Amino acid sequence: MDKRTLFQLVSAISAAAEYRDAYTSMHQSHVSNLARCIAQELALSNDVIECVRIASILHDIGKLGVPLSLLTKVGKLREEEFALIKLHPVIGYDILKGVDFDYPVALAVRQHHERLNGSGYPDGLTSDAILIEAKIIAVADVVESMQASRPYRKALGMNAALEEIAHNKGILYDAEIVEACIKLCAKMDDGVFISKMETLNEQC
């Protein structure tokens, strides 16, 4: 299967999630755009860029295994409910691990909520134990998530997103990745993230 056909198939799988949870599908697409641009900004290899592109568009596919009532719940999740949400990287890994990708896509999906200081999940990995692809997706995921409204909160905006990753640079998030993301996001105005993200995607 050529790369174009593979990515079309991956995009179709991601889009299928929209029929269950529109937020997850759109979120994955926006994260993929930003994550790929970050990887290119860092001048990483074509293989890493391609892995980032594919893994990021599938990074939340494991939410298909999470009760929809939790994904759309208005108000704060209880501890036991959040524990179920935190299973989605493992579910995503289990869905994808049998696919013969040329890149470590399934592992990047499993690791996208890991953090440098070991405070992430599901495996509590630290620093060099986390794939570079997963570190990139983690930053793009946080920035995009804070741009969008959730059932339990309104969108927080670009400034809050950049403050979050800058404040935790080198603690939760890789410093070089954070700097690359901030540089890219400087091209985008707060409040128009999605349209600007589409423009940035065309430029990358």
N, C-alpha and C. Protein backbone atom coordinates (compact mmCIF):
# COMPACT_ATOMS: atom_id res chain seq x y z
N MET A 1 0.84 -1.20 0.00
CA MET A 1 0.00 0.00 0.00
C MET A 1 0.88 1.25 0.00
N ASP A 2 0.66 2.18 -0.95
CA ASP A 2 1.47 3.39 -1.00
C ASP A 2 1.05 4.33 0.12
N LYS A 3 1.91 5.33 0.40
CA LYS A 3 1.69 6.22 1.53
C LYS A 3 0.40 7.03 1.39
N ARG A 4 0.08 7.43 0.17
CA ARG A 4 -1.13 8.22 -0.03
C ARG A 4 -2.37 7.41 0.32
N THR A 5 -2.40 6.16 -0.16
CA THR A 5 -3.54 5.29 0.14
C THR A 5 -3.62 4.99 1.62
N LEU A 6 -2.45 4.77 2.25
CA LEU A 6 -2.42 4.50 3.68
C LEU A 6 -3.00 5.66 4.46
N PHE A 7 -2.59 6.88 4.12
CA PHE A 7 -3.08 8.03 4.87
C PHE A 7 -4.57 8.26 4.63
N GLN A 8 -5.04 7.98 3.41
CA GLN A 8 -6.47 8.09 3.15
C GLN A 8 -7.25 7.11 4.02
N LEU A 9 -6.69 5.90 4.19
CA LEU A 9 -7.34 4.90 5.03
C LEU A 9 -7.33 5.33 6.49
N VAL A 10 -6.19 5.84 6.93
CA VAL A 10 -6.07 6.33 8.31
C VAL A 10 -7.07 7.47 8.56
N SER A 11 -7.18 8.38 7.62
CA SER A 11 -8.11 9.51 7.75
C SER A 11 -9.55 9.02 7.81
N ALA A 12 -9.85 7.98 7.03
CA ALA A 12 -11.21 7.43 7.04
C ALA A 12 -11.53 6.80 8.40
N ILE A 13 -10.55 6.11 8.97
CA ILE A 13 -10.75 5.51 10.29
C ILE A 13 -10.98 6.60 11.33
N SER A 14 -10.18 7.66 11.26
CA SER A 14 -10.34 8.77 12.19
C SER A 14 -11.70 9.44 12.02
N ALA A 15 -12.10 9.64 10.76
CA ALA A 15 -13.39 10.30 10.49
C ALA A 15 -14.55 9.47 10.98
N ALA A 16 -14.38 8.15 11.04
CA ALA A 16 -15.46 7.29 11.52
C ALA A 16 -15.83 7.63 12.96
N ALA A 17 -14.85 8.13 13.71
CA ALA A 17 -15.11 8.50 15.10
C ALA A 17 -16.11 9.65 15.20
N GLU A 18 -16.23 10.44 14.13
CA GLU A 18 -17.14 11.59 14.16
C GLU A 18 -18.58 11.16 14.34
N TYR A 19 -18.91 9.97 13.85
CA TYR A 19 -20.29 9.50 13.96
C TYR A 19 -20.66 9.17 15.41
N ARG A 20 -19.65 9.02 16.23
CA ARG A 20 -19.90 8.76 17.65
C ARG A 20 -19.63 9.99 18.49
N ASP A 21 -18.56 10.71 18.15
CA ASP A 21 -18.14 11.86 18.94
C ASP A 21 -17.48 12.87 18.01
N ALA A 22 -18.22 13.88 17.59
CA ALA A 22 -17.71 14.84 16.60
C ALA A 22 -16.47 15.55 17.11
N TYR A 23 -16.40 15.84 18.42
CA TYR A 23 -15.25 16.56 18.95
C TYR A 23 -13.96 15.77 18.74
N THR A 24 -13.98 14.46 19.02
CA THR A 24 -12.77 13.65 18.91
C THR A 24 -12.24 13.66 17.49
N SER A 25 -13.11 13.49 16.51
CA SER A 25 -12.67 13.44 15.12
C SER A 25 -12.02 14.76 14.69
N MET A 26 -12.69 15.88 14.95
CA MET A 26 -12.15 17.18 14.56
C MET A 26 -10.85 17.47 15.32
N HIS A 27 -10.84 17.13 16.59
CA HIS A 27 -9.66 17.34 17.41
C HIS A 27 -8.47 16.59 16.86
N GLN A 28 -8.65 15.34 16.47
CA GLN A 28 -7.54 14.55 15.94
C GLN A 28 -6.96 15.19 14.67
N SER A 29 -7.82 15.67 13.81
CA SER A 29 -7.37 16.30 12.58
C SER A 29 -6.57 17.57 12.86
N HIS A 30 -7.04 18.40 13.78
CA HIS A 30 -6.34 19.64 14.10
C HIS A 30 -5.00 19.35 14.79
N VAL A 31 -4.98 18.37 15.68
CA VAL A 31 -3.73 17.98 16.33
C VAL A 31 -2.73 17.47 15.30
N SER A 32 -3.21 16.70 14.34
CA SER A 32 -2.32 16.17 13.30
C SER A 32 -1.68 17.29 12.50
N ASN A 33 -2.47 18.30 12.15
CA ASN A 33 -1.94 19.43 11.39
C ASN A 33 -0.82 20.14 12.16
N LEU A 34 -1.09 20.45 13.43
CA LEU A 34 -0.11 21.16 14.23
C LEU A 34 1.11 20.30 14.52
N ALA A 35 0.89 19.04 14.87
CA ALA A 35 2.01 18.16 15.20
C ALA A 35 2.95 17.97 14.01
N ARG A 36 2.38 17.81 12.84
CA ARG A 36 3.22 17.64 11.64
C ARG A 36 4.05 18.90 11.38
N CYS A 37 3.43 20.05 11.54
CA CYS A 37 4.15 21.30 11.34
C CYS A 37 5.28 21.47 12.36
N ILE A 38 5.04 21.04 13.60
CA ILE A 38 6.10 21.09 14.63
C ILE A 38 7.26 20.19 14.22
N ALA A 39 6.94 18.98 13.77
CA ALA A 39 8.00 18.04 13.36
C ALA A 39 8.81 18.60 12.21
N GLN A 40 8.14 19.28 11.29
CA GLN A 40 8.85 19.89 10.17
C GLN A 40 9.69 21.09 10.63
N GLU A 41 9.15 21.86 11.56
CA GLU A 41 9.89 23.00 12.11
C GLU A 41 11.18 22.53 12.77
N LEU A 42 11.15 21.35 13.37
CA LEU A 42 12.32 20.78 14.03
C LEU A 42 13.26 20.08 13.06
N ALA A 43 12.89 20.07 11.78
CA ALA A 43 13.71 19.45 10.72
C ALA A 43 14.01 17.98 11.03
N LEU A 44 12.99 17.28 11.50
CA LEU A 44 13.14 15.85 11.78
C LEU A 44 13.08 15.05 10.49
N SER A 45 13.43 13.78 10.57
CA SER A 45 13.47 12.94 9.37
C SER A 45 12.07 12.75 8.81
N ASN A 46 12.02 12.39 7.53
CA ASN A 46 10.73 12.16 6.88
C ASN A 46 9.97 11.04 7.56
N ASP A 47 10.68 10.02 8.04
CA ASP A 47 10.01 8.91 8.72
C ASP A 47 9.35 9.37 10.01
N VAL A 48 10.03 10.22 10.78
CA VAL A 48 9.45 10.74 12.01
C VAL A 48 8.24 11.63 11.70
N ILE A 49 8.37 12.48 10.70
CA ILE A 49 7.27 13.36 10.31
C ILE A 49 6.05 12.55 9.90
N GLU A 50 6.28 11.48 9.13
CA GLU A 50 5.16 10.65 8.68
C GLU A 50 4.52 9.90 9.85
N CYS A 51 5.35 9.44 10.77
CA CYS A 51 4.82 8.77 11.96
C CYS A 51 3.98 9.73 12.79
N VAL A 52 4.48 10.96 12.96
CA VAL A 52 3.74 11.98 13.70
C VAL A 52 2.40 12.26 13.02
N ARG A 53 2.42 12.38 11.72
CA ARG A 53 1.20 12.68 10.99
C ARG A 53 0.14 11.59 11.18
N ILE A 54 0.57 10.34 11.06
CA ILE A 54 -0.38 9.23 11.16
C ILE A 54 -0.82 9.01 12.61
N ALA A 55 0.15 8.98 13.53
CA ALA A 55 -0.18 8.70 14.93
C ALA A 55 -1.06 9.79 15.53
N SER A 56 -0.80 11.05 15.15
CA SER A 56 -1.59 12.13 15.74
C SER A 56 -3.02 12.15 15.24
N ILE A 57 -3.25 11.72 14.02
CA ILE A 57 -4.63 11.70 13.52
C ILE A 57 -5.41 10.53 14.12
N LEU A 58 -4.67 9.60 14.75
CA LEU A 58 -5.30 8.45 15.40
C LEU A 58 -5.12 8.46 16.92
N HIS A 59 -4.56 9.53 17.48
CA HIS A 59 -4.11 9.46 18.87
C HIS A 59 -5.24 9.24 19.87
N ASP A 60 -6.45 9.67 19.54
CA ASP A 60 -7.59 9.49 20.45
C ASP A 60 -8.56 8.41 19.99
N ILE A 61 -8.13 7.56 19.06
CA ILE A 61 -9.03 6.54 18.53
C ILE A 61 -9.49 5.59 19.64
N GLY A 62 -8.69 5.48 20.70
CA GLY A 62 -9.06 4.63 21.82
C GLY A 62 -10.29 5.11 22.57
N LYS A 63 -10.70 6.35 22.32
CA LYS A 63 -11.92 6.85 22.97
C LYS A 63 -13.17 6.15 22.45
N LEU A 64 -13.03 5.39 21.36
CA LEU A 64 -14.13 4.56 20.90
C LEU A 64 -14.50 3.52 21.95
N GLY A 65 -13.55 3.22 22.83
CA GLY A 65 -13.79 2.24 23.88
C GLY A 65 -14.20 2.85 25.21
N VAL A 66 -14.40 4.16 25.22
CA VAL A 66 -14.81 4.88 26.44
C VAL A 66 -16.30 5.22 26.33
N PRO A 67 -17.07 5.02 27.38
CA PRO A 67 -18.50 5.36 27.32
C PRO A 67 -18.73 6.79 26.84
N LEU A 68 -19.63 6.94 25.87
CA LEU A 68 -19.90 8.26 25.31
C LEU A 68 -20.42 9.22 26.38
N SER A 69 -21.11 8.70 27.37
CA SER A 69 -21.64 9.55 28.44
C SER A 69 -20.54 10.27 29.19
N LEU A 70 -19.34 9.67 29.24
CA LEU A 70 -18.21 10.33 29.91
C LEU A 70 -17.57 11.38 29.01
N LEU A 71 -17.51 11.09 27.72
CA LEU A 71 -16.88 12.03 26.78
C LEU A 71 -17.71 13.30 26.62
N THR A 72 -19.00 13.19 26.86
CA THR A 72 -19.89 14.34 26.66
C THR A 72 -20.48 14.85 27.97
N LYS A 73 -19.96 14.39 29.08
CA LYS A 73 -20.51 14.78 30.38
C LYS A 73 -20.27 16.27 30.66
N VAL A 74 -21.30 16.93 31.10
CA VAL A 74 -21.19 18.33 31.53
C VAL A 74 -20.83 18.33 33.01
N GLY A 75 -19.77 19.05 33.35
CA GLY A 75 -19.34 19.09 34.74
C GLY A 75 -18.11 18.24 34.96
N LYS A 76 -17.53 18.37 36.12
CA LYS A 76 -16.29 17.69 36.46
C LYS A 76 -16.49 16.19 36.57
N LEU A 77 -15.51 15.45 36.03
CA LEU A 77 -15.56 14.00 36.12
C LEU A 77 -15.17 13.53 37.52
N ARG A 78 -15.84 12.49 37.99
CA ARG A 78 -15.43 11.87 39.24
C ARG A 78 -14.13 11.09 39.00
N GLU A 79 -13.42 10.78 40.07
CA GLU A 79 -12.13 10.10 39.96
C GLU A 79 -12.24 8.79 39.19
N GLU A 80 -13.28 8.01 39.47
CA GLU A 80 -13.43 6.73 38.79
C GLU A 80 -13.80 6.91 37.32
N GLU A 81 -14.48 8.02 37.00
CA GLU A 81 -14.81 8.31 35.60
C GLU A 81 -13.55 8.73 34.83
N PHE A 82 -12.72 9.54 35.45
CA PHE A 82 -11.48 9.96 34.80
C PHE A 82 -10.55 8.76 34.61
N ALA A 83 -10.59 7.80 35.53
CA ALA A 83 -9.78 6.59 35.38
C ALA A 83 -10.15 5.84 34.11
N LEU A 84 -11.43 5.85 33.76
CA LEU A 84 -11.87 5.21 32.52
C LEU A 84 -11.39 5.99 31.30
N ILE A 85 -11.46 7.32 31.37
CA ILE A 85 -10.96 8.16 30.28
C ILE A 85 -9.47 7.88 30.04
N LYS A 86 -8.73 7.69 31.11
CA LYS A 86 -7.28 7.49 31.02
C LYS A 86 -6.90 6.16 30.38
N LEU A 87 -7.88 5.30 30.14
CA LEU A 87 -7.60 4.03 29.46
C LEU A 87 -7.48 4.20 27.95
N HIS A 88 -7.88 5.37 27.41
CA HIS A 88 -7.96 5.47 25.95
C HIS A 88 -6.63 5.31 25.22
N PRO A 89 -5.47 5.71 25.79
CA PRO A 89 -4.22 5.44 25.06
C PRO A 89 -3.93 3.94 24.95
N VAL A 90 -4.29 3.17 25.97
CA VAL A 90 -4.07 1.73 25.94
C VAL A 90 -5.03 1.07 24.95
N ILE A 91 -6.28 1.52 24.95
CA ILE A 91 -7.25 0.99 23.99
C ILE A 91 -6.81 1.29 22.56
N GLY A 92 -6.35 2.53 22.35
CA GLY A 92 -5.85 2.91 21.03
C GLY A 92 -4.67 2.04 20.60
N TYR A 93 -3.76 1.79 21.53
CA TYR A 93 -2.62 0.92 21.25
C TYR A 93 -3.09 -0.48 20.87
N ASP A 94 -4.04 -1.00 21.61
CA ASP A 94 -4.55 -2.35 21.33
C ASP A 94 -5.23 -2.42 19.97
N ILE A 95 -5.91 -1.35 19.57
CA ILE A 95 -6.55 -1.31 18.26
C ILE A 95 -5.53 -1.32 17.14
N LEU A 96 -4.42 -0.59 17.34
CA LEU A 96 -3.47 -0.35 16.26
C LEU A 96 -2.26 -1.28 16.24
N LYS A 97 -1.99 -1.98 17.33
CA LYS A 97 -0.74 -2.74 17.43
C LYS A 97 -0.61 -3.85 16.40
N GLY A 98 -1.73 -4.33 15.89
CA GLY A 98 -1.67 -5.40 14.91
C GLY A 98 -1.53 -4.92 13.48
N VAL A 99 -1.53 -3.60 13.28
CA VAL A 99 -1.38 -3.02 11.94
C VAL A 99 0.10 -2.89 11.61
N ASP A 100 0.49 -3.33 10.44
CA ASP A 100 1.91 -3.35 10.06
C ASP A 100 2.33 -2.01 9.47
N PHE A 101 2.36 -0.98 10.34
CA PHE A 101 2.86 0.33 9.91
C PHE A 101 4.38 0.27 9.75
N ASP A 102 4.92 1.17 8.95
CA ASP A 102 6.38 1.29 8.82
C ASP A 102 6.99 2.08 9.97
N TYR A 103 6.14 2.62 10.83
CA TYR A 103 6.59 3.50 11.91
C TYR A 103 5.94 3.05 13.22
N PRO A 104 6.46 3.49 14.37
CA PRO A 104 5.90 3.07 15.66
C PRO A 104 4.63 3.82 16.02
N VAL A 105 3.62 3.71 15.17
CA VAL A 105 2.38 4.46 15.33
C VAL A 105 1.65 4.05 16.61
N ALA A 106 1.47 2.76 16.81
CA ALA A 106 0.71 2.28 17.97
C ALA A 106 1.37 2.73 19.28
N LEU A 107 2.70 2.66 19.34
CA LEU A 107 3.40 3.04 20.56
C LEU A 107 3.30 4.55 20.80
N ALA A 108 3.36 5.33 19.73
CA ALA A 108 3.21 6.79 19.88
C ALA A 108 1.82 7.13 20.40
N VAL A 109 0.81 6.41 19.93
CA VAL A 109 -0.55 6.62 20.43
C VAL A 109 -0.62 6.28 21.91
N ARG A 110 0.01 5.16 22.30
CA ARG A 110 -0.01 4.76 23.71
C ARG A 110 0.66 5.80 24.61
N GLN A 111 1.69 6.47 24.08
CA GLN A 111 2.51 7.35 24.91
C GLN A 111 2.12 8.82 24.87
N HIS A 112 1.08 9.20 24.16
CA HIS A 112 0.86 10.63 23.94
C HIS A 112 0.41 11.39 25.19
N HIS A 113 0.08 10.70 26.26
CA HIS A 113 -0.21 11.37 27.54
C HIS A 113 0.89 11.17 28.57
N GLU A 114 2.03 10.63 28.16
CA GLU A 114 3.18 10.54 29.06
C GLU A 114 3.81 11.93 29.19
N ARG A 115 4.49 12.18 30.30
CA ARG A 115 5.12 13.47 30.56
C ARG A 115 6.56 13.25 31.03
N LEU A 116 7.42 14.22 30.74
CA LEU A 116 8.86 14.07 31.00
C LEU A 116 9.17 13.67 32.43
N ASN A 117 8.42 14.19 33.40
CA ASN A 117 8.71 13.95 34.81
C ASN A 117 8.05 12.69 35.37
N GLY A 118 7.43 11.91 34.49
CA GLY A 118 6.82 10.66 34.93
C GLY A 118 5.41 10.79 35.45
N SER A 119 4.81 11.98 35.37
CA SER A 119 3.48 12.20 35.93
C SER A 119 2.36 11.83 34.96
N GLY A 120 2.72 11.41 33.75
CA GLY A 120 1.71 11.09 32.76
C GLY A 120 1.19 9.67 32.88
N TYR A 121 0.45 9.25 31.87
CA TYR A 121 -0.15 7.90 31.86
C TYR A 121 -0.16 7.37 30.44
N PRO A 122 -0.25 6.04 30.24
CA PRO A 122 -0.62 5.01 31.22
C PRO A 122 0.56 4.35 31.94
N ASP A 123 1.78 4.60 31.49
CA ASP A 123 2.92 3.84 32.00
C ASP A 123 3.88 4.62 32.87
N GLY A 124 3.62 5.91 33.09
CA GLY A 124 4.49 6.73 33.93
C GLY A 124 5.91 6.83 33.41
N LEU A 125 6.07 6.88 32.08
CA LEU A 125 7.39 6.96 31.48
C LEU A 125 8.02 8.33 31.73
N THR A 126 9.35 8.39 31.65
CA THR A 126 10.06 9.65 31.82
C THR A 126 10.99 9.91 30.63
N SER A 127 11.19 11.15 30.34
CA SER A 127 12.22 11.67 29.45
C SER A 127 12.48 10.81 28.21
N ASP A 128 13.70 10.22 28.14
CA ASP A 128 14.13 9.51 26.94
C ASP A 128 13.35 8.23 26.67
N ALA A 129 12.58 7.76 27.63
CA ALA A 129 11.78 6.55 27.42
C ALA A 129 10.56 6.85 26.56
N ILE A 130 10.26 8.13 26.34
CA ILE A 130 9.10 8.54 25.55
C ILE A 130 9.54 8.83 24.13
N LEU A 131 8.83 8.29 23.16
CA LEU A 131 9.14 8.53 21.75
C LEU A 131 9.04 10.02 21.43
N ILE A 132 9.92 10.49 20.54
CA ILE A 132 9.86 11.88 20.11
C ILE A 132 8.51 12.19 19.47
N GLU A 133 7.96 11.21 18.75
CA GLU A 133 6.65 11.40 18.12
C GLU A 133 5.58 11.66 19.17
N ALA A 134 5.63 10.90 20.26
CA ALA A 134 4.64 11.08 21.33
C ALA A 134 4.81 12.42 22.03
N LYS A 135 6.05 12.87 22.19
CA LYS A 135 6.30 14.16 22.82
C LYS A 135 5.72 15.30 21.98
N ILE A 136 5.84 15.17 20.66
CA ILE A 136 5.29 16.19 19.76
C ILE A 136 3.77 16.20 19.83
N ILE A 137 3.18 15.02 19.77
CA ILE A 137 1.72 14.92 19.84
C ILE A 137 1.21 15.48 21.16
N ALA A 138 1.95 15.22 22.25
CA ALA A 138 1.53 15.72 23.57
C ALA A 138 1.38 17.23 23.57
N VAL A 139 2.34 17.94 23.02
CA VAL A 139 2.30 19.40 22.99
C VAL A 139 1.18 19.89 22.08
N ALA A 140 1.09 19.32 20.89
CA ALA A 140 0.03 19.73 19.95
C ALA A 140 -1.35 19.44 20.53
N ASP A 141 -1.47 18.33 21.24
CA ASP A 141 -2.74 17.93 21.86
C ASP A 141 -3.18 18.93 22.91
N VAL A 142 -2.25 19.35 23.77
CA VAL A 142 -2.57 20.31 24.83
C VAL A 142 -2.99 21.65 24.22
N VAL A 143 -2.24 22.12 23.25
CA VAL A 143 -2.54 23.43 22.65
C VAL A 143 -3.91 23.40 21.96
N GLU A 144 -4.15 22.36 21.16
CA GLU A 144 -5.43 22.29 20.44
C GLU A 144 -6.59 22.11 21.41
N SER A 145 -6.40 21.29 22.44
CA SER A 145 -7.47 21.04 23.41
C SER A 145 -7.91 22.31 24.11
N MET A 146 -6.94 23.16 24.43
CA MET A 146 -7.27 24.39 25.15
C MET A 146 -7.94 25.42 24.25
N GLN A 147 -7.87 25.22 22.93
CA GLN A 147 -8.55 26.12 22.00
C GLN A 147 -10.04 25.80 21.88
N ALA A 148 -10.39 24.57 22.17
CA ALA A 148 -11.76 24.12 21.91
C ALA A 148 -12.60 24.10 23.18
N SER A 149 -13.87 24.37 23.01
CA SER A 149 -14.79 24.24 24.14
C SER A 149 -15.03 22.76 24.42
N ARG A 150 -15.18 22.44 25.67
CA ARG A 150 -15.50 21.08 26.10
C ARG A 150 -16.86 21.13 26.79
N PRO A 151 -17.51 19.98 26.97
CA PRO A 151 -18.78 19.99 27.70
C PRO A 151 -18.67 20.63 29.08
N TYR A 152 -17.47 20.50 29.69
CA TYR A 152 -17.32 20.99 31.07
C TYR A 152 -16.65 22.36 31.17
N ARG A 153 -16.26 22.97 30.02
CA ARG A 153 -15.66 24.31 30.08
C ARG A 153 -15.66 24.96 28.71
N LYS A 154 -15.55 26.29 28.70
CA LYS A 154 -15.41 27.03 27.46
C LYS A 154 -13.95 26.98 26.99
N ALA A 155 -13.73 27.33 25.73
CA ALA A 155 -12.38 27.40 25.20
C ALA A 155 -11.55 28.38 26.02
N LEU A 156 -10.30 28.03 26.27
CA LEU A 156 -9.43 28.87 27.11
C LEU A 156 -8.58 29.84 26.29
N GLY A 157 -8.37 29.53 25.01
CA GLY A 157 -7.67 30.47 24.14
C GLY A 157 -6.19 30.22 23.97
N MET A 158 -5.63 30.88 22.95
CA MET A 158 -4.22 30.69 22.60
C MET A 158 -3.27 31.10 23.71
N ASN A 159 -3.51 32.24 24.32
CA ASN A 159 -2.58 32.71 25.36
C ASN A 159 -2.47 31.72 26.51
N ALA A 160 -3.60 31.17 26.94
CA ALA A 160 -3.58 30.19 28.03
C ALA A 160 -2.85 28.93 27.61
N ALA A 161 -3.05 28.52 26.37
CA ALA A 161 -2.39 27.31 25.87
C ALA A 161 -0.88 27.49 25.83
N LEU A 162 -0.43 28.63 25.33
CA LEU A 162 1.01 28.88 25.24
C LEU A 162 1.63 29.07 26.62
N GLU A 163 0.88 29.67 27.54
CA GLU A 163 1.36 29.81 28.91
C GLU A 163 1.53 28.45 29.57
N GLU A 164 0.60 27.53 29.30
CA GLU A 164 0.68 26.18 29.86
C GLU A 164 1.95 25.45 29.40
N ILE A 165 2.20 25.45 28.09
CA ILE A 165 3.37 24.69 27.63
C ILE A 165 4.68 25.41 27.98
N ALA A 166 4.66 26.75 27.97
CA ALA A 166 5.87 27.49 28.34
C ALA A 166 6.21 27.30 29.82
N HIS A 167 5.19 27.35 30.66
CA HIS A 167 5.40 27.19 32.11
C HIS A 167 5.95 25.81 32.45
N ASN A 168 5.55 24.80 31.67
CA ASN A 168 5.96 23.43 31.95
C ASN A 168 7.00 22.91 30.98
N LYS A 169 7.66 23.83 30.28
CA LYS A 169 8.74 23.47 29.36
C LYS A 169 9.88 22.83 30.13
N GLY A 170 10.29 21.64 29.69
CA GLY A 170 11.37 20.94 30.35
C GLY A 170 10.94 20.17 31.59
N ILE A 171 9.67 20.36 32.00
CA ILE A 171 9.13 19.65 33.17
C ILE A 171 8.16 18.56 32.69
N LEU A 172 7.12 19.00 31.99
CA LEU A 172 6.17 18.06 31.41
C LEU A 172 6.41 17.85 29.93
N TYR A 173 6.84 18.92 29.26
CA TYR A 173 6.95 18.91 27.81
C TYR A 173 8.39 19.18 27.36
N ASP A 174 8.78 18.55 26.27
CA ASP A 174 10.12 18.73 25.72
C ASP A 174 10.35 20.19 25.33
N ALA A 175 11.48 20.75 25.76
CA ALA A 175 11.74 22.18 25.58
C ALA A 175 11.82 22.59 24.11
N GLU A 176 12.53 21.80 23.29
CA GLU A 176 12.66 22.15 21.87
C GLU A 176 11.31 22.10 21.17
N ILE A 177 10.50 21.14 21.53
CA ILE A 177 9.18 21.01 20.92
C ILE A 177 8.30 22.19 21.32
N VAL A 178 8.37 22.58 22.56
CA VAL A 178 7.61 23.74 23.03
C VAL A 178 8.02 25.00 22.27
N GLU A 179 9.32 25.22 22.12
CA GLU A 179 9.80 26.41 21.41
C GLU A 179 9.32 26.41 19.97
N ALA A 180 9.37 25.24 19.31
CA ALA A 180 8.91 25.15 17.93
C ALA A 180 7.41 25.44 17.83
N CYS A 181 6.65 24.93 18.79
CA CYS A 181 5.20 25.15 18.79
C CYS A 181 4.88 26.63 19.01
N ILE A 182 5.56 27.25 19.95
CA ILE A 182 5.33 28.68 20.22
C ILE A 182 5.65 29.52 18.98
N LYS A 183 6.72 29.16 18.30
CA LYS A 183 7.11 29.88 17.08
C LYS A 183 6.02 29.77 16.02
N LEU A 184 5.48 28.58 15.86
CA LEU A 184 4.42 28.37 14.87
C LEU A 184 3.14 29.09 15.27
N CYS A 185 2.79 28.99 16.54
CA CYS A 185 1.54 29.59 17.01
C CYS A 185 1.59 31.11 17.02
N ALA A 186 2.79 31.67 16.99
CA ALA A 186 2.93 33.13 16.92
C ALA A 186 2.34 33.66 15.61
N LYS A 187 2.19 32.77 14.63
CA LYS A 187 1.62 33.15 13.35
C LYS A 187 0.09 33.16 13.38
N MET A 188 -0.47 32.70 14.50
CA MET A 188 -1.92 32.56 14.59
C MET A 188 -2.49 33.49 15.65
N ASP A 189 -3.62 34.12 15.35
CA ASP A 189 -4.28 35.02 16.30
C ASP A 189 -5.23 34.24 17.19
N ASP A 190 -5.30 34.63 18.44
CA ASP A 190 -6.24 34.01 19.37
C ASP A 190 -7.67 34.19 18.86
N GLY A 191 -8.47 33.14 18.99
CA GLY A 191 -9.86 33.21 18.59
C GLY A 191 -10.13 32.71 17.18
N VAL A 192 -9.08 32.54 16.40
CA VAL A 192 -9.27 32.04 15.03
C VAL A 192 -8.31 30.87 14.80
N PHE A 193 -8.15 30.05 15.79
CA PHE A 193 -7.17 28.96 15.74
C PHE A 193 -7.43 28.01 14.58
N ILE A 194 -8.67 27.58 14.42
CA ILE A 194 -8.95 26.55 13.42
C ILE A 194 -8.66 27.04 12.01
N SER A 195 -9.14 28.25 11.66
CA SER A 195 -8.90 28.76 10.32
C SER A 195 -7.41 29.01 10.10
N LYS A 196 -6.73 29.54 11.12
CA LYS A 196 -5.30 29.77 11.00
C LYS A 196 -4.55 28.44 10.92
N MET A 197 -5.05 27.41 11.62
CA MET A 197 -4.41 26.11 11.58
C MET A 197 -4.48 25.53 10.17
N GLU A 198 -5.60 25.74 9.49
CA GLU A 198 -5.74 25.27 8.12
C GLU A 198 -4.74 25.99 7.21
N THR A 199 -4.57 27.29 7.41
CA THR A 199 -3.61 28.05 6.62
C THR A 199 -2.19 27.55 6.90
N LEU A 200 -1.87 27.34 8.17
CA LEU A 200 -0.56 26.85 8.54
C LEU A 200 -0.32 25.48 7.95
N ASN A 201 -1.34 24.65 7.90
CA ASN A 201 -1.23 23.31 7.33
C ASN A 201 -0.86 23.38 5.86
N GLU A 202 -1.41 24.36 5.15
CA GLU A 202 -1.09 24.53 3.73
C GLU A 202 0.36 24.98 3.55
N GLN A 203 0.88 25.72 4.52
CA GLN A 203 2.23 26.24 4.41
C GLN A 203 3.29 25.18 4.75
N CYS A 204 2.94 24.23 5.62
CA CYS A 204 3.91 23.23 6.08
C CYS A 204 4.14 22.15 5.04
